[in-house]
Amino acid sequence: MNEFLNGYFSVLSVARVVFFATAVVLAGVCALDWAVRTRRLNPFGPVARFVRGTVDPLIRPVERRVVRAGGLPQSAPWWALAAVVLAGIVALSLFEFLGGQIVGIVTAVNAGPRGILAAAISLAAGVLKIALLVRVLSSWISVSPHSPWIRWSFVLTEWLLAPLRRLIPTFGPVDITPIAAYFLVSILSRMLVGALI
């Protein structure tokens, strides 16, 4: 099992480097596309023809969404870059989370029943914290809470946030109860796990 975990974290380290290199290359490609779209480069030159023929078809779906949302087509490359970077960060975070959970489960099984209970508490707290983060991020980009991608986070966290909303006042349009819930879950899980181990 240790060989598997070492291999897993080695692959994760390589994936981080590959993702960073891909993001840097993509940033350059998006900057080039933006320069062509805003006519900072000659729109009839070979570079512009290459960008329009190769890069623009890949960015066109993003451009349609940006225009539908009221944005400018020139900003589509930057939105595409932001989407790819955000997706990469989420994917790497999920793989790191899974690796941590695998390590926790192996450690818990070796520690006996109390270790298994501690691992279950840590796993539940981790899922709750992820649901709270998804809920906060979805409020920033105004995704419907009824969307199948987001609904699970509301189902998992509303039981915790509803009583906190009655205790913690909002600051204008800003609701800080998810932040308070995140820290509350972190503190309680650490206390419970510390008491068990």
N, C-alpha and C. Protein backbone atom coordinates (compact mmCIF):
# COMPACT_ATOMS: atom_id res chain seq x y z
N MET A 1 0.82 -1.20 0.00
CA MET A 1 0.00 0.00 0.00
C MET A 1 0.87 1.27 0.00
N ASN A 2 2.01 1.21 0.72
CA ASN A 2 2.90 2.37 0.75
C ASN A 2 3.45 2.69 -0.64
N GLU A 3 3.72 1.65 -1.44
CA GLU A 3 4.21 1.88 -2.80
C GLU A 3 3.14 2.57 -3.64
N PHE A 4 1.88 2.15 -3.45
CA PHE A 4 0.78 2.78 -4.18
C PHE A 4 0.67 4.25 -3.81
N LEU A 5 0.73 4.55 -2.51
CA LEU A 5 0.60 5.95 -2.07
C LEU A 5 1.77 6.79 -2.55
N ASN A 6 2.98 6.23 -2.50
CA ASN A 6 4.14 6.98 -3.00
C ASN A 6 3.98 7.27 -4.49
N GLY A 7 3.53 6.26 -5.25
CA GLY A 7 3.29 6.46 -6.67
C GLY A 7 2.20 7.49 -6.93
N TYR A 8 1.14 7.43 -6.14
CA TYR A 8 0.01 8.36 -6.29
C TYR A 8 0.49 9.80 -6.10
N PHE A 9 1.24 10.04 -5.01
CA PHE A 9 1.69 11.40 -4.74
C PHE A 9 2.78 11.85 -5.71
N SER A 10 3.55 10.90 -6.26
CA SER A 10 4.53 11.26 -7.30
C SER A 10 3.81 11.70 -8.57
N VAL A 11 2.77 10.97 -8.94
CA VAL A 11 1.98 11.34 -10.12
C VAL A 11 1.32 12.70 -9.90
N LEU A 12 0.84 12.94 -8.68
CA LEU A 12 0.22 14.22 -8.36
C LEU A 12 1.22 15.37 -8.48
N SER A 13 2.46 15.13 -8.05
CA SER A 13 3.50 16.16 -8.18
C SER A 13 3.80 16.46 -9.65
N VAL A 14 3.88 15.41 -10.46
CA VAL A 14 4.12 15.59 -11.90
C VAL A 14 2.93 16.32 -12.53
N ALA A 15 1.71 15.97 -12.09
CA ALA A 15 0.51 16.61 -12.64
C ALA A 15 0.50 18.11 -12.33
N ARG A 16 0.98 18.49 -11.16
CA ARG A 16 1.06 19.92 -10.81
C ARG A 16 1.98 20.66 -11.77
N VAL A 17 3.14 20.07 -12.03
CA VAL A 17 4.11 20.71 -12.94
C VAL A 17 3.54 20.79 -14.35
N VAL A 18 2.91 19.70 -14.81
CA VAL A 18 2.32 19.69 -16.14
C VAL A 18 1.20 20.73 -16.24
N PHE A 19 0.38 20.80 -15.20
CA PHE A 19 -0.70 21.78 -15.21
C PHE A 19 -0.15 23.20 -15.26
N PHE A 20 0.87 23.48 -14.46
CA PHE A 20 1.45 24.83 -14.46
C PHE A 20 2.03 25.17 -15.83
N ALA A 21 2.76 24.24 -16.43
CA ALA A 21 3.34 24.48 -17.76
C ALA A 21 2.23 24.69 -18.79
N THR A 22 1.17 23.88 -18.71
CA THR A 22 0.04 24.04 -19.64
C THR A 22 -0.62 25.39 -19.46
N ALA A 23 -0.78 25.83 -18.20
CA ALA A 23 -1.40 27.13 -17.94
C ALA A 23 -0.54 28.26 -18.50
N VAL A 24 0.78 28.15 -18.39
CA VAL A 24 1.66 29.19 -18.92
C VAL A 24 1.56 29.24 -20.44
N VAL A 25 1.58 28.08 -21.09
CA VAL A 25 1.46 28.04 -22.56
C VAL A 25 0.10 28.59 -22.99
N LEU A 26 -0.94 28.17 -22.28
CA LEU A 26 -2.29 28.63 -22.62
C LEU A 26 -2.42 30.14 -22.41
N ALA A 27 -1.77 30.67 -21.38
CA ALA A 27 -1.79 32.12 -21.16
C ALA A 27 -1.15 32.84 -22.36
N GLY A 28 -0.06 32.29 -22.87
CA GLY A 28 0.56 32.88 -24.05
C GLY A 28 -0.34 32.82 -25.27
N VAL A 29 -0.99 31.68 -25.47
CA VAL A 29 -1.91 31.52 -26.61
C VAL A 29 -3.09 32.48 -26.47
N CYS A 30 -3.63 32.60 -25.26
CA CYS A 30 -4.77 33.51 -25.04
C CYS A 30 -4.36 34.97 -25.23
N ALA A 31 -3.15 35.32 -24.80
CA ALA A 31 -2.65 36.69 -25.01
C ALA A 31 -2.51 36.96 -26.50
N LEU A 32 -2.04 35.98 -27.25
CA LEU A 32 -1.90 36.13 -28.70
C LEU A 32 -3.27 36.30 -29.36
N ASP A 33 -4.24 35.46 -28.94
CA ASP A 33 -5.60 35.56 -29.49
C ASP A 33 -6.21 36.91 -29.15
N TRP A 34 -6.00 37.37 -27.93
CA TRP A 34 -6.53 38.66 -27.51
C TRP A 34 -5.91 39.78 -28.35
N ALA A 35 -4.59 39.68 -28.61
CA ALA A 35 -3.91 40.70 -29.41
C ALA A 35 -4.46 40.74 -30.83
N VAL A 36 -4.80 39.58 -31.38
CA VAL A 36 -5.38 39.54 -32.72
C VAL A 36 -6.79 40.11 -32.69
N ARG A 37 -7.58 39.73 -31.69
CA ARG A 37 -8.97 40.20 -31.60
C ARG A 37 -9.05 41.71 -31.40
N THR A 38 -8.11 42.28 -30.65
CA THR A 38 -8.14 43.72 -30.40
C THR A 38 -7.31 44.50 -31.41
N ARG A 39 -6.82 43.82 -32.43
CA ARG A 39 -6.06 44.40 -33.54
C ARG A 39 -4.74 45.05 -33.09
N ARG A 40 -4.17 44.52 -32.04
CA ARG A 40 -2.84 44.96 -31.64
C ARG A 40 -1.79 44.29 -32.54
N LEU A 41 -2.18 43.18 -33.17
CA LEU A 41 -1.36 42.54 -34.20
C LEU A 41 -2.08 42.73 -35.54
N ASN A 42 -1.33 42.73 -36.61
CA ASN A 42 -1.90 42.87 -37.94
C ASN A 42 -2.93 41.75 -38.16
N PRO A 43 -4.21 42.08 -38.36
CA PRO A 43 -5.23 41.05 -38.51
C PRO A 43 -5.11 40.24 -39.80
N PHE A 44 -4.24 40.67 -40.73
CA PHE A 44 -4.08 39.95 -41.99
C PHE A 44 -2.74 39.24 -42.10
N GLY A 45 -1.96 39.29 -41.03
CA GLY A 45 -0.64 38.65 -41.05
C GLY A 45 -0.74 37.15 -40.83
N PRO A 46 0.38 36.45 -40.98
CA PRO A 46 0.37 34.99 -40.83
C PRO A 46 0.00 34.54 -39.41
N VAL A 47 0.44 35.31 -38.41
CA VAL A 47 0.11 34.94 -37.02
C VAL A 47 -1.39 35.03 -36.81
N ALA A 48 -2.00 36.11 -37.27
CA ALA A 48 -3.45 36.28 -37.11
C ALA A 48 -4.22 35.20 -37.85
N ARG A 49 -3.77 34.83 -39.06
CA ARG A 49 -4.45 33.76 -39.79
C ARG A 49 -4.33 32.43 -39.04
N PHE A 50 -3.15 32.17 -38.48
CA PHE A 50 -2.97 30.94 -37.71
C PHE A 50 -3.89 30.94 -36.48
N VAL A 51 -3.95 32.05 -35.78
CA VAL A 51 -4.80 32.14 -34.57
C VAL A 51 -6.26 31.98 -34.94
N ARG A 52 -6.71 32.66 -35.99
CA ARG A 52 -8.12 32.55 -36.38
C ARG A 52 -8.47 31.15 -36.84
N GLY A 53 -7.53 30.47 -37.47
CA GLY A 53 -7.81 29.13 -37.96
C GLY A 53 -7.66 28.04 -36.92
N THR A 54 -6.80 28.24 -35.94
CA THR A 54 -6.50 27.18 -34.98
C THR A 54 -7.07 27.44 -33.59
N VAL A 55 -6.87 28.63 -33.08
CA VAL A 55 -7.26 28.94 -31.70
C VAL A 55 -8.72 29.35 -31.59
N ASP A 56 -9.18 30.21 -32.50
CA ASP A 56 -10.55 30.72 -32.41
C ASP A 56 -11.62 29.64 -32.39
N PRO A 57 -11.50 28.57 -33.19
CA PRO A 57 -12.53 27.52 -33.10
C PRO A 57 -12.62 26.88 -31.71
N LEU A 58 -11.49 26.83 -30.99
CA LEU A 58 -11.51 26.26 -29.65
C LEU A 58 -12.14 27.21 -28.64
N ILE A 59 -11.99 28.51 -28.88
CA ILE A 59 -12.50 29.51 -27.93
C ILE A 59 -13.92 29.94 -28.28
N ARG A 60 -14.40 29.57 -29.45
CA ARG A 60 -15.73 30.01 -29.88
C ARG A 60 -16.86 29.67 -28.90
N PRO A 61 -16.91 28.45 -28.30
CA PRO A 61 -17.98 28.19 -27.33
C PRO A 61 -17.93 29.13 -26.12
N VAL A 62 -16.73 29.46 -25.68
CA VAL A 62 -16.59 30.40 -24.56
C VAL A 62 -17.05 31.78 -25.01
N GLU A 63 -16.69 32.16 -26.23
CA GLU A 63 -17.08 33.47 -26.75
C GLU A 63 -18.60 33.60 -26.80
N ARG A 64 -19.29 32.54 -27.23
CA ARG A 64 -20.76 32.59 -27.27
C ARG A 64 -21.34 32.84 -25.89
N ARG A 65 -20.80 32.15 -24.88
CA ARG A 65 -21.31 32.33 -23.51
C ARG A 65 -21.02 33.74 -23.00
N VAL A 66 -19.83 34.25 -23.30
CA VAL A 66 -19.47 35.60 -22.85
C VAL A 66 -20.39 36.63 -23.48
N VAL A 67 -20.64 36.49 -24.77
CA VAL A 67 -21.51 37.45 -25.47
C VAL A 67 -22.94 37.35 -24.95
N ARG A 68 -23.44 36.11 -24.71
CA ARG A 68 -24.79 35.95 -24.16
C ARG A 68 -24.91 36.59 -22.79
N ALA A 69 -23.81 36.59 -22.02
CA ALA A 69 -23.84 37.18 -20.68
C ALA A 69 -23.63 38.69 -20.72
N GLY A 70 -23.45 39.25 -21.91
CA GLY A 70 -23.31 40.70 -22.05
C GLY A 70 -21.86 41.17 -22.12
N GLY A 71 -20.92 40.23 -22.24
CA GLY A 71 -19.50 40.60 -22.30
C GLY A 71 -19.05 40.87 -23.72
N LEU A 72 -17.82 41.28 -23.83
CA LEU A 72 -17.23 41.57 -25.14
C LEU A 72 -16.54 40.32 -25.69
N PRO A 73 -16.63 40.10 -27.00
CA PRO A 73 -15.97 38.93 -27.59
C PRO A 73 -14.45 38.95 -27.39
N GLN A 74 -13.86 40.15 -27.26
CA GLN A 74 -12.41 40.25 -27.07
C GLN A 74 -11.96 39.64 -25.75
N SER A 75 -12.86 39.57 -24.77
CA SER A 75 -12.47 39.03 -23.46
C SER A 75 -12.61 37.51 -23.39
N ALA A 76 -13.10 36.88 -24.45
CA ALA A 76 -13.28 35.42 -24.45
C ALA A 76 -12.00 34.64 -24.18
N PRO A 77 -10.84 35.03 -24.73
CA PRO A 77 -9.62 34.26 -24.41
C PRO A 77 -9.29 34.27 -22.92
N TRP A 78 -9.51 35.40 -22.27
CA TRP A 78 -9.20 35.47 -20.83
C TRP A 78 -10.19 34.65 -20.02
N TRP A 79 -11.45 34.63 -20.43
CA TRP A 79 -12.43 33.79 -19.73
C TRP A 79 -12.11 32.31 -19.94
N ALA A 80 -11.65 31.97 -21.14
CA ALA A 80 -11.26 30.57 -21.40
C ALA A 80 -10.08 30.19 -20.53
N LEU A 81 -9.10 31.07 -20.41
CA LEU A 81 -7.94 30.81 -19.56
C LEU A 81 -8.38 30.65 -18.10
N ALA A 82 -9.26 31.53 -17.64
CA ALA A 82 -9.73 31.45 -16.25
C ALA A 82 -10.47 30.13 -16.00
N ALA A 83 -11.28 29.70 -16.97
CA ALA A 83 -12.02 28.45 -16.81
C ALA A 83 -11.08 27.25 -16.75
N VAL A 84 -10.06 27.23 -17.60
CA VAL A 84 -9.11 26.11 -17.60
C VAL A 84 -8.30 26.10 -16.31
N VAL A 85 -7.85 27.27 -15.86
CA VAL A 85 -7.07 27.33 -14.62
C VAL A 85 -7.92 26.89 -13.43
N LEU A 86 -9.16 27.37 -13.37
CA LEU A 86 -10.05 26.99 -12.27
C LEU A 86 -10.33 25.49 -12.29
N ALA A 87 -10.59 24.94 -13.48
CA ALA A 87 -10.83 23.49 -13.59
C ALA A 87 -9.60 22.69 -13.16
N GLY A 88 -8.42 23.16 -13.53
CA GLY A 88 -7.20 22.48 -13.12
C GLY A 88 -6.98 22.52 -11.63
N ILE A 89 -7.24 23.67 -11.02
CA ILE A 89 -7.08 23.80 -9.57
C ILE A 89 -8.06 22.89 -8.85
N VAL A 90 -9.29 22.85 -9.33
CA VAL A 90 -10.29 21.98 -8.70
C VAL A 90 -9.91 20.52 -8.85
N ALA A 91 -9.45 20.13 -10.04
CA ALA A 91 -9.06 18.72 -10.27
C ALA A 91 -7.88 18.33 -9.39
N LEU A 92 -6.85 19.19 -9.32
CA LEU A 92 -5.70 18.89 -8.48
C LEU A 92 -6.09 18.82 -7.00
N SER A 93 -6.97 19.73 -6.58
CA SER A 93 -7.42 19.73 -5.18
C SER A 93 -8.19 18.45 -4.87
N LEU A 94 -9.02 18.01 -5.80
CA LEU A 94 -9.77 16.77 -5.57
C LEU A 94 -8.85 15.56 -5.48
N PHE A 95 -7.85 15.50 -6.36
CA PHE A 95 -6.91 14.38 -6.30
C PHE A 95 -6.09 14.41 -5.02
N GLU A 96 -5.71 15.61 -4.58
CA GLU A 96 -4.98 15.73 -3.32
C GLU A 96 -5.87 15.32 -2.14
N PHE A 97 -7.13 15.74 -2.20
CA PHE A 97 -8.09 15.37 -1.15
C PHE A 97 -8.26 13.85 -1.10
N LEU A 98 -8.41 13.22 -2.28
CA LEU A 98 -8.56 11.77 -2.32
C LEU A 98 -7.32 11.06 -1.78
N GLY A 99 -6.15 11.57 -2.12
CA GLY A 99 -4.92 10.98 -1.60
C GLY A 99 -4.85 11.08 -0.09
N GLY A 100 -5.23 12.23 0.45
CA GLY A 100 -5.25 12.40 1.89
C GLY A 100 -6.25 11.47 2.56
N GLN A 101 -7.40 11.27 1.90
CA GLN A 101 -8.40 10.37 2.47
C GLN A 101 -7.91 8.91 2.44
N ILE A 102 -7.22 8.54 1.38
CA ILE A 102 -6.67 7.18 1.30
C ILE A 102 -5.66 6.96 2.42
N VAL A 103 -4.78 7.95 2.63
CA VAL A 103 -3.80 7.85 3.72
C VAL A 103 -4.52 7.76 5.06
N GLY A 104 -5.57 8.58 5.23
CA GLY A 104 -6.33 8.55 6.48
C GLY A 104 -7.01 7.22 6.72
N ILE A 105 -7.55 6.63 5.68
CA ILE A 105 -8.24 5.34 5.82
C ILE A 105 -7.25 4.24 6.16
N VAL A 106 -6.10 4.23 5.48
CA VAL A 106 -5.08 3.21 5.78
C VAL A 106 -4.59 3.35 7.21
N THR A 107 -4.35 4.58 7.64
CA THR A 107 -3.91 4.83 9.02
C THR A 107 -4.99 4.41 10.00
N ALA A 108 -6.25 4.71 9.68
CA ALA A 108 -7.36 4.37 10.58
C ALA A 108 -7.53 2.87 10.73
N VAL A 109 -7.41 2.16 9.63
CA VAL A 109 -7.56 0.71 9.69
C VAL A 109 -6.45 0.10 10.55
N ASN A 110 -5.25 0.65 10.44
CA ASN A 110 -4.13 0.16 11.26
C ASN A 110 -4.29 0.52 12.73
N ALA A 111 -5.07 1.59 13.03
CA ALA A 111 -5.23 2.06 14.41
C ALA A 111 -6.39 1.37 15.13
N GLY A 112 -7.23 0.65 14.43
CA GLY A 112 -8.34 -0.05 15.08
C GLY A 112 -9.64 0.74 15.01
N PRO A 113 -10.64 0.35 15.85
CA PRO A 113 -11.97 0.98 15.79
C PRO A 113 -11.96 2.49 16.05
N ARG A 114 -11.15 2.93 17.01
CA ARG A 114 -11.10 4.38 17.27
C ARG A 114 -10.52 5.13 16.08
N GLY A 115 -9.56 4.53 15.43
CA GLY A 115 -8.98 5.14 14.23
C GLY A 115 -9.98 5.22 13.10
N ILE A 116 -10.80 4.16 12.96
CA ILE A 116 -11.83 4.16 11.91
C ILE A 116 -12.85 5.25 12.18
N LEU A 117 -13.25 5.41 13.45
CA LEU A 117 -14.20 6.47 13.81
C LEU A 117 -13.60 7.85 13.55
N ALA A 118 -12.33 8.02 13.88
CA ALA A 118 -11.65 9.29 13.63
C ALA A 118 -11.59 9.58 12.13
N ALA A 119 -11.32 8.55 11.33
CA ALA A 119 -11.27 8.73 9.87
C ALA A 119 -12.64 9.09 9.32
N ALA A 120 -13.69 8.47 9.87
CA ALA A 120 -15.06 8.78 9.42
C ALA A 120 -15.40 10.23 9.74
N ILE A 121 -15.00 10.71 10.91
CA ILE A 121 -15.26 12.10 11.29
C ILE A 121 -14.49 13.04 10.36
N SER A 122 -13.23 12.72 10.10
CA SER A 122 -12.42 13.56 9.19
C SER A 122 -13.00 13.59 7.78
N LEU A 123 -13.46 12.44 7.31
CA LEU A 123 -14.05 12.37 5.97
C LEU A 123 -15.33 13.20 5.91
N ALA A 124 -16.19 13.06 6.91
CA ALA A 124 -17.44 13.83 6.94
C ALA A 124 -17.15 15.32 6.99
N ALA A 125 -16.17 15.72 7.81
CA ALA A 125 -15.81 17.14 7.89
C ALA A 125 -15.25 17.64 6.57
N GLY A 126 -14.43 16.81 5.89
CA GLY A 126 -13.88 17.20 4.60
C GLY A 126 -14.96 17.40 3.55
N VAL A 127 -15.93 16.50 3.52
CA VAL A 127 -17.03 16.63 2.56
C VAL A 127 -17.87 17.88 2.86
N LEU A 128 -18.11 18.14 4.14
CA LEU A 128 -18.87 19.34 4.53
C LEU A 128 -18.12 20.61 4.12
N LYS A 129 -16.80 20.63 4.32
CA LYS A 129 -16.03 21.82 3.95
C LYS A 129 -16.03 22.03 2.44
N ILE A 130 -15.94 20.94 1.68
CA ILE A 130 -16.01 21.07 0.22
C ILE A 130 -17.37 21.60 -0.20
N ALA A 131 -18.44 21.09 0.42
CA ALA A 131 -19.79 21.55 0.09
C ALA A 131 -19.95 23.03 0.43
N LEU A 132 -19.36 23.48 1.54
CA LEU A 132 -19.43 24.90 1.89
C LEU A 132 -18.67 25.75 0.87
N LEU A 133 -17.50 25.28 0.42
CA LEU A 133 -16.74 26.02 -0.59
C LEU A 133 -17.50 26.09 -1.92
N VAL A 134 -18.09 24.97 -2.31
CA VAL A 134 -18.87 24.96 -3.56
C VAL A 134 -20.03 25.94 -3.46
N ARG A 135 -20.65 25.97 -2.31
CA ARG A 135 -21.79 26.86 -2.11
C ARG A 135 -21.37 28.33 -2.19
N VAL A 136 -20.23 28.66 -1.59
CA VAL A 136 -19.73 30.04 -1.66
C VAL A 136 -19.36 30.41 -3.10
N LEU A 137 -18.62 29.52 -3.77
CA LEU A 137 -18.22 29.81 -5.15
C LEU A 137 -19.42 29.94 -6.08
N SER A 138 -20.45 29.11 -5.85
CA SER A 138 -21.64 29.20 -6.71
C SER A 138 -22.38 30.51 -6.49
N SER A 139 -22.29 31.08 -5.29
CA SER A 139 -22.96 32.36 -5.06
C SER A 139 -22.21 33.49 -5.76
N TRP A 140 -20.91 33.35 -5.96
CA TRP A 140 -20.14 34.38 -6.65
C TRP A 140 -20.45 34.42 -8.14
N ILE A 141 -20.74 33.26 -8.73
CA ILE A 141 -20.99 33.23 -10.18
C ILE A 141 -22.48 33.08 -10.47
N SER A 142 -23.29 33.28 -9.47
CA SER A 142 -24.76 33.22 -9.53
C SER A 142 -25.28 32.02 -10.32
N VAL A 143 -25.00 30.84 -9.77
CA VAL A 143 -25.55 29.59 -10.30
C VAL A 143 -26.78 29.27 -9.47
N SER A 144 -27.80 28.78 -10.11
CA SER A 144 -29.04 28.44 -9.41
C SER A 144 -28.79 27.33 -8.39
N PRO A 145 -29.35 27.48 -7.17
CA PRO A 145 -29.19 26.41 -6.18
C PRO A 145 -29.91 25.13 -6.57
N HIS A 146 -30.76 25.19 -7.58
CA HIS A 146 -31.48 24.01 -8.04
C HIS A 146 -30.74 23.27 -9.15
N SER A 147 -29.59 23.82 -9.55
CA SER A 147 -28.78 23.16 -10.56
C SER A 147 -28.25 21.84 -10.01
N PRO A 148 -28.27 20.77 -10.81
CA PRO A 148 -27.79 19.48 -10.30
C PRO A 148 -26.32 19.50 -9.88
N TRP A 149 -25.55 20.45 -10.40
CA TRP A 149 -24.14 20.54 -10.05
C TRP A 149 -23.95 21.16 -8.66
N ILE A 150 -24.92 21.94 -8.23
CA ILE A 150 -24.78 22.70 -6.99
C ILE A 150 -25.73 22.22 -5.90
N ARG A 151 -26.84 21.63 -6.27
CA ARG A 151 -27.88 21.27 -5.29
C ARG A 151 -27.35 20.42 -4.14
N TRP A 152 -26.45 19.49 -4.41
CA TRP A 152 -25.92 18.61 -3.36
C TRP A 152 -25.27 19.42 -2.25
N SER A 153 -24.61 20.54 -2.59
CA SER A 153 -23.95 21.34 -1.56
C SER A 153 -24.98 22.02 -0.66
N PHE A 154 -26.12 22.41 -1.22
CA PHE A 154 -27.18 23.02 -0.40
C PHE A 154 -27.81 21.96 0.51
N VAL A 155 -28.01 20.76 -0.02
CA VAL A 155 -28.60 19.69 0.79
C VAL A 155 -27.69 19.33 1.96
N LEU A 156 -26.38 19.28 1.71
CA LEU A 156 -25.45 18.88 2.76
C LEU A 156 -25.20 19.97 3.81
N THR A 157 -25.39 21.23 3.46
CA THR A 157 -24.99 22.29 4.38
C THR A 157 -26.12 23.11 4.98
N GLU A 158 -27.30 23.05 4.44
CA GLU A 158 -28.38 23.92 4.92
C GLU A 158 -28.73 23.66 6.37
N TRP A 159 -28.65 22.40 6.83
CA TRP A 159 -28.96 22.08 8.22
C TRP A 159 -28.00 22.80 9.18
N LEU A 160 -26.78 23.09 8.71
CA LEU A 160 -25.80 23.77 9.54
C LEU A 160 -25.91 25.29 9.41
N LEU A 161 -26.19 25.77 8.21
CA LEU A 161 -26.21 27.20 7.98
C LEU A 161 -27.48 27.88 8.48
N ALA A 162 -28.62 27.19 8.46
CA ALA A 162 -29.89 27.81 8.90
C ALA A 162 -29.83 28.29 10.35
N PRO A 163 -29.37 27.48 11.31
CA PRO A 163 -29.28 28.00 12.69
C PRO A 163 -28.22 29.09 12.84
N LEU A 164 -27.13 29.00 12.07
CA LEU A 164 -26.10 30.03 12.17
C LEU A 164 -26.60 31.38 11.64
N ARG A 165 -27.47 31.36 10.63
CA ARG A 165 -28.02 32.61 10.10
C ARG A 165 -28.86 33.34 11.14
N ARG A 166 -29.49 32.58 12.04
CA ARG A 166 -30.27 33.22 13.10
C ARG A 166 -29.36 33.85 14.15
N LEU A 167 -28.15 33.34 14.29
CA LEU A 167 -27.21 33.86 15.30
C LEU A 167 -26.29 34.95 14.76
N ILE A 168 -25.86 34.81 13.51
CA ILE A 168 -24.87 35.73 12.94
C ILE A 168 -25.58 36.68 11.97
N PRO A 169 -25.46 37.99 12.21
CA PRO A 169 -26.11 38.95 11.30
C PRO A 169 -25.35 39.04 9.97
N THR A 170 -26.06 39.44 8.93
CA THR A 170 -25.41 39.65 7.63
C THR A 170 -24.82 41.06 7.61
N PHE A 171 -23.78 41.23 6.83
CA PHE A 171 -23.16 42.53 6.66
C PHE A 171 -23.55 43.06 5.29
N GLY A 172 -24.71 43.73 5.24
CA GLY A 172 -25.24 44.18 3.95
C GLY A 172 -25.65 42.97 3.14
N PRO A 173 -25.17 42.88 1.90
CA PRO A 173 -25.51 41.71 1.08
C PRO A 173 -24.60 40.50 1.34
N VAL A 174 -23.62 40.65 2.23
CA VAL A 174 -22.64 39.59 2.46
C VAL A 174 -23.09 38.70 3.61
N ASP A 175 -23.20 37.41 3.33
CA ASP A 175 -23.56 36.41 4.34
C ASP A 175 -22.29 35.67 4.74
N ILE A 176 -21.85 35.85 5.99
CA ILE A 176 -20.60 35.23 6.43
C ILE A 176 -20.83 33.89 7.13
N THR A 177 -22.07 33.41 7.16
CA THR A 177 -22.32 32.14 7.85
C THR A 177 -21.57 30.96 7.23
N PRO A 178 -21.36 30.88 5.90
CA PRO A 178 -20.56 29.76 5.39
C PRO A 178 -19.12 29.78 5.91
N ILE A 179 -18.55 30.98 6.08
CA ILE A 179 -17.19 31.07 6.61
C ILE A 179 -17.17 30.61 8.06
N ALA A 180 -18.15 31.07 8.84
CA ALA A 180 -18.24 30.65 10.24
C ALA A 180 -18.45 29.14 10.33
N ALA A 181 -19.30 28.60 9.46
CA ALA A 181 -19.56 27.16 9.47
C ALA A 181 -18.31 26.38 9.10
N TYR A 182 -17.52 26.89 8.15
CA TYR A 182 -16.28 26.23 7.74
C TYR A 182 -15.33 26.12 8.93
N PHE A 183 -15.14 27.23 9.64
CA PHE A 183 -14.24 27.21 10.80
C PHE A 183 -14.80 26.36 11.93
N LEU A 184 -16.11 26.39 12.12
CA LEU A 184 -16.74 25.58 13.16
C LEU A 184 -16.54 24.08 12.88
N VAL A 185 -16.76 23.68 11.64
CA VAL A 185 -16.57 22.28 11.26
C VAL A 185 -15.10 21.88 11.45
N SER A 186 -14.18 22.75 11.05
CA SER A 186 -12.75 22.46 11.20
C SER A 186 -12.38 22.27 12.66
N ILE A 187 -12.82 23.17 13.52
CA ILE A 187 -12.47 23.11 14.94
C ILE A 187 -13.09 21.88 15.60
N LEU A 188 -14.38 21.64 15.34
CA LEU A 188 -15.04 20.48 15.95
C LEU A 188 -14.43 19.17 15.50
N SER A 189 -14.12 19.05 14.22
CA SER A 189 -13.55 17.79 13.73
C SER A 189 -12.17 17.56 14.33
N ARG A 190 -11.37 18.62 14.45
CA ARG A 190 -10.05 18.46 15.07
C ARG A 190 -10.17 18.04 16.54
N MET A 191 -11.13 18.64 17.25
CA MET A 191 -11.31 18.29 18.65
C MET A 191 -11.75 16.84 18.79
N LEU A 192 -12.70 16.41 17.97
CA LEU A 192 -13.19 15.02 18.06
C LEU A 192 -12.12 14.02 17.67
N VAL A 193 -11.40 14.31 16.60
CA VAL A 193 -10.35 13.39 16.16
C VAL A 193 -9.22 13.36 17.21
N GLY A 194 -8.90 14.52 17.77
CA GLY A 194 -7.87 14.56 18.81
C GLY A 194 -8.26 13.77 20.05
N ALA A 195 -9.55 13.79 20.37
CA ALA A 195 -10.02 13.03 21.54
C ALA A 195 -9.99 11.53 21.28
N LEU A 196 -10.16 11.12 20.03
CA LEU A 196 -10.19 9.70 19.71
C LEU A 196 -8.81 9.09 19.56
N ILE A 197 -7.87 9.87 19.11
CA ILE A 197 -6.53 9.31 18.84
C ILE A 197 -5.58 9.61 19.98
